[in-house]
C-alpha atoms as a PDB file:
ATOM      1  CA  UNK A   1       1.908   2.188 -20.237  1.00  0.00           C
ATOM      2  CA  UNK A   2      -1.729   2.842 -19.547  1.00  0.00           C
ATOM      3  CA  UNK A   3      -2.461   6.563 -19.421  1.00  0.00           C
ATOM      4  CA  UNK A   4      -2.761   7.761 -15.776  1.00  0.00           C
ATOM      5  CA  UNK A   5      -6.144   9.114 -14.714  1.00  0.00           C
ATOM      6  CA  UNK A   6      -6.800  11.804 -12.159  1.00  0.00           C
ATOM      7  CA  UNK A   7      -8.987  10.499  -9.315  1.00  0.00           C
ATOM      8  CA  UNK A   8      -9.838  11.349  -5.729  1.00  0.00           C
ATOM      9  CA  UNK A   9      -8.459   8.904  -3.170  1.00  0.00           C
ATOM     10  CA  UNK A  10      -8.978   9.486   0.566  1.00  0.00           C
ATOM     11  CA  UNK A  11     -10.052  13.062  -0.107  1.00  0.00           C
ATOM     12  CA  UNK A  12      -6.965  13.902  -2.179  1.00  0.00           C
ATOM     13  CA  UNK A  13      -6.777  14.495  -5.937  1.00  0.00           C
ATOM     14  CA  UNK A  14      -4.065  12.183  -7.347  1.00  0.00           C
ATOM     15  CA  UNK A  15      -2.942  10.580 -10.602  1.00  0.00           C
ATOM     16  CA  UNK A  16      -3.136   6.794 -10.806  1.00  0.00           C
ATOM     17  CA  UNK A  17      -2.781   3.991 -13.301  1.00  0.00           C
ATOM     18  CA  UNK A  18      -5.892   1.849 -12.697  1.00  0.00           C
ATOM     19  CA  UNK A  19      -4.290  -1.444 -13.784  1.00  0.00           C
ATOM     20  CA  UNK A  20      -1.459  -0.997 -11.283  1.00  0.00           C
ATOM     21  CA  UNK A  21      -3.893  -0.193  -8.479  1.00  0.00           C
ATOM     22  CA  UNK A  22      -5.539  -3.574  -9.041  1.00  0.00           C
ATOM     23  CA  UNK A  23      -2.121  -5.296  -8.994  1.00  0.00           C
ATOM     24  CA  UNK A  24      -1.113  -3.410  -5.845  1.00  0.00           C
ATOM     25  CA  UNK A  25      -4.104  -4.690  -3.909  1.00  0.00           C
ATOM     26  CA  UNK A  26      -3.394  -8.247  -5.015  1.00  0.00           C
ATOM     27  CA  UNK A  27       0.414  -8.353  -4.723  1.00  0.00           C
ATOM     28  CA  UNK A  28       1.529  -5.865  -2.057  1.00  0.00           C
ATOM     29  CA  UNK A  29       3.173  -7.913   0.687  1.00  0.00           C
ATOM     30  CA  UNK A  30       2.104  -5.444   3.405  1.00  0.00           C
ATOM     31  CA  UNK A  31      -1.563  -6.025   2.620  1.00  0.00           C
ATOM     32  CA  UNK A  32      -1.066  -9.767   3.117  1.00  0.00           C
ATOM     33  CA  UNK A  33       1.198  -9.689   6.193  1.00  0.00           C
ATOM     34  CA  UNK A  34       0.127 -10.557   9.709  1.00  0.00           C
ATOM     35  CA  UNK A  35       2.312  -7.712  11.055  1.00  0.00           C
ATOM     36  CA  UNK A  36       0.018  -5.120   9.499  1.00  0.00           C
ATOM     37  CA  UNK A  37      -1.644  -3.117  12.302  1.00  0.00           C
ATOM     38  CA  UNK A  38      -5.222  -3.902  11.294  1.00  0.00           C
ATOM     39  CA  UNK A  39      -4.476  -7.630  11.541  1.00  0.00           C
ATOM     40  CA  UNK A  40      -2.000  -7.950  14.424  1.00  0.00           C
ATOM     41  CA  UNK A  41      -2.941  -4.919  16.523  1.00  0.00           C
ATOM     42  CA  UNK A  42       0.774  -3.961  16.564  1.00  0.00           C
ATOM     43  CA  UNK A  43       2.525  -1.375  14.446  1.00  0.00           C
ATOM     44  CA  UNK A  44       4.935  -2.604  11.781  1.00  0.00           C
ATOM     45  CA  UNK A  45       7.442   0.236  11.563  1.00  0.00           C
ATOM     46  CA  UNK A  46       8.098  -0.458   7.865  1.00  0.00           C
ATOM     47  CA  UNK A  47       4.398  -0.303   6.965  1.00  0.00           C
ATOM     48  CA  UNK A  48       3.952   2.740   9.221  1.00  0.00           C
ATOM     49  CA  UNK A  49       6.776   4.591   7.419  1.00  0.00           C
ATOM     50  CA  UNK A  50       5.260   3.916   3.993  1.00  0.00           C
ATOM     51  CA  UNK A  51       1.726   4.705   5.221  1.00  0.00           C
ATOM     52  CA  UNK A  52       2.866   8.102   6.557  1.00  0.00           C
ATOM     53  CA  UNK A  53       4.530   9.014   3.272  1.00  0.00           C
ATOM     54  CA  UNK A  54       1.599   7.722   1.198  1.00  0.00           C
ATOM     55  CA  UNK A  55      -0.933   9.643   3.266  1.00  0.00           C
ATOM     56  CA  UNK A  56       1.073  12.879   3.000  1.00  0.00           C
ATOM     57  CA  UNK A  57       1.639  12.693  -0.757  1.00  0.00           C
ATOM     58  CA  UNK A  58      -1.211  10.479  -1.999  1.00  0.00           C
ATOM     59  CA  UNK A  59       1.199   7.724  -3.059  1.00  0.00           C
ATOM     60  CA  UNK A  60       0.514   4.007  -3.254  1.00  0.00           C
ATOM     61  CA  UNK A  61       3.388   1.524  -3.100  1.00  0.00           C
ATOM     62  CA  UNK A  62       3.647  -2.157  -3.889  1.00  0.00           C
ATOM     63  CA  UNK A  63       5.943  -3.801  -1.323  1.00  0.00           C
ATOM     64  CA  UNK A  64       7.617  -6.749  -3.051  1.00  0.00           C
ATOM     65  CA  UNK A  65      10.521  -7.454  -0.699  1.00  0.00           C
ATOM     66  CA  UNK A  66      10.676  -7.489   3.118  1.00  0.00           C
ATOM     67  CA  UNK A  67      12.792  -9.172   5.802  1.00  0.00           C
ATOM     68  CA  UNK A  68       9.991  -9.357   8.384  1.00  0.00           C
ATOM     69  CA  UNK A  69       7.013 -10.531   6.292  1.00  0.00           C
ATOM     70  CA  UNK A  70       4.796 -13.286   7.660  1.00  0.00           C
ATOM     71  CA  UNK A  71       1.804 -14.475   5.697  1.00  0.00           C
ATOM     72  CA  UNK A  72      -1.695 -14.438   7.080  1.00  0.00           C
ATOM     73  CA  UNK A  73      -2.845 -17.913   8.004  1.00  0.00           C
END
């Protein structure tokens, strides 16, 4: 495993593994789903739940399985 580095993300000091952050942006289903608020204008309650937790704790998740995912055309 690549050694985690301490960085500031969104004004919060967190530990991250840089290689995984690159993979997250490329492979997270939420970031490529038309139900994401910034794309559809509606709130996906699954994405909203994870966003709330991530914002509170400085986490970043990679969503790899979802029953409501729809790709962006």
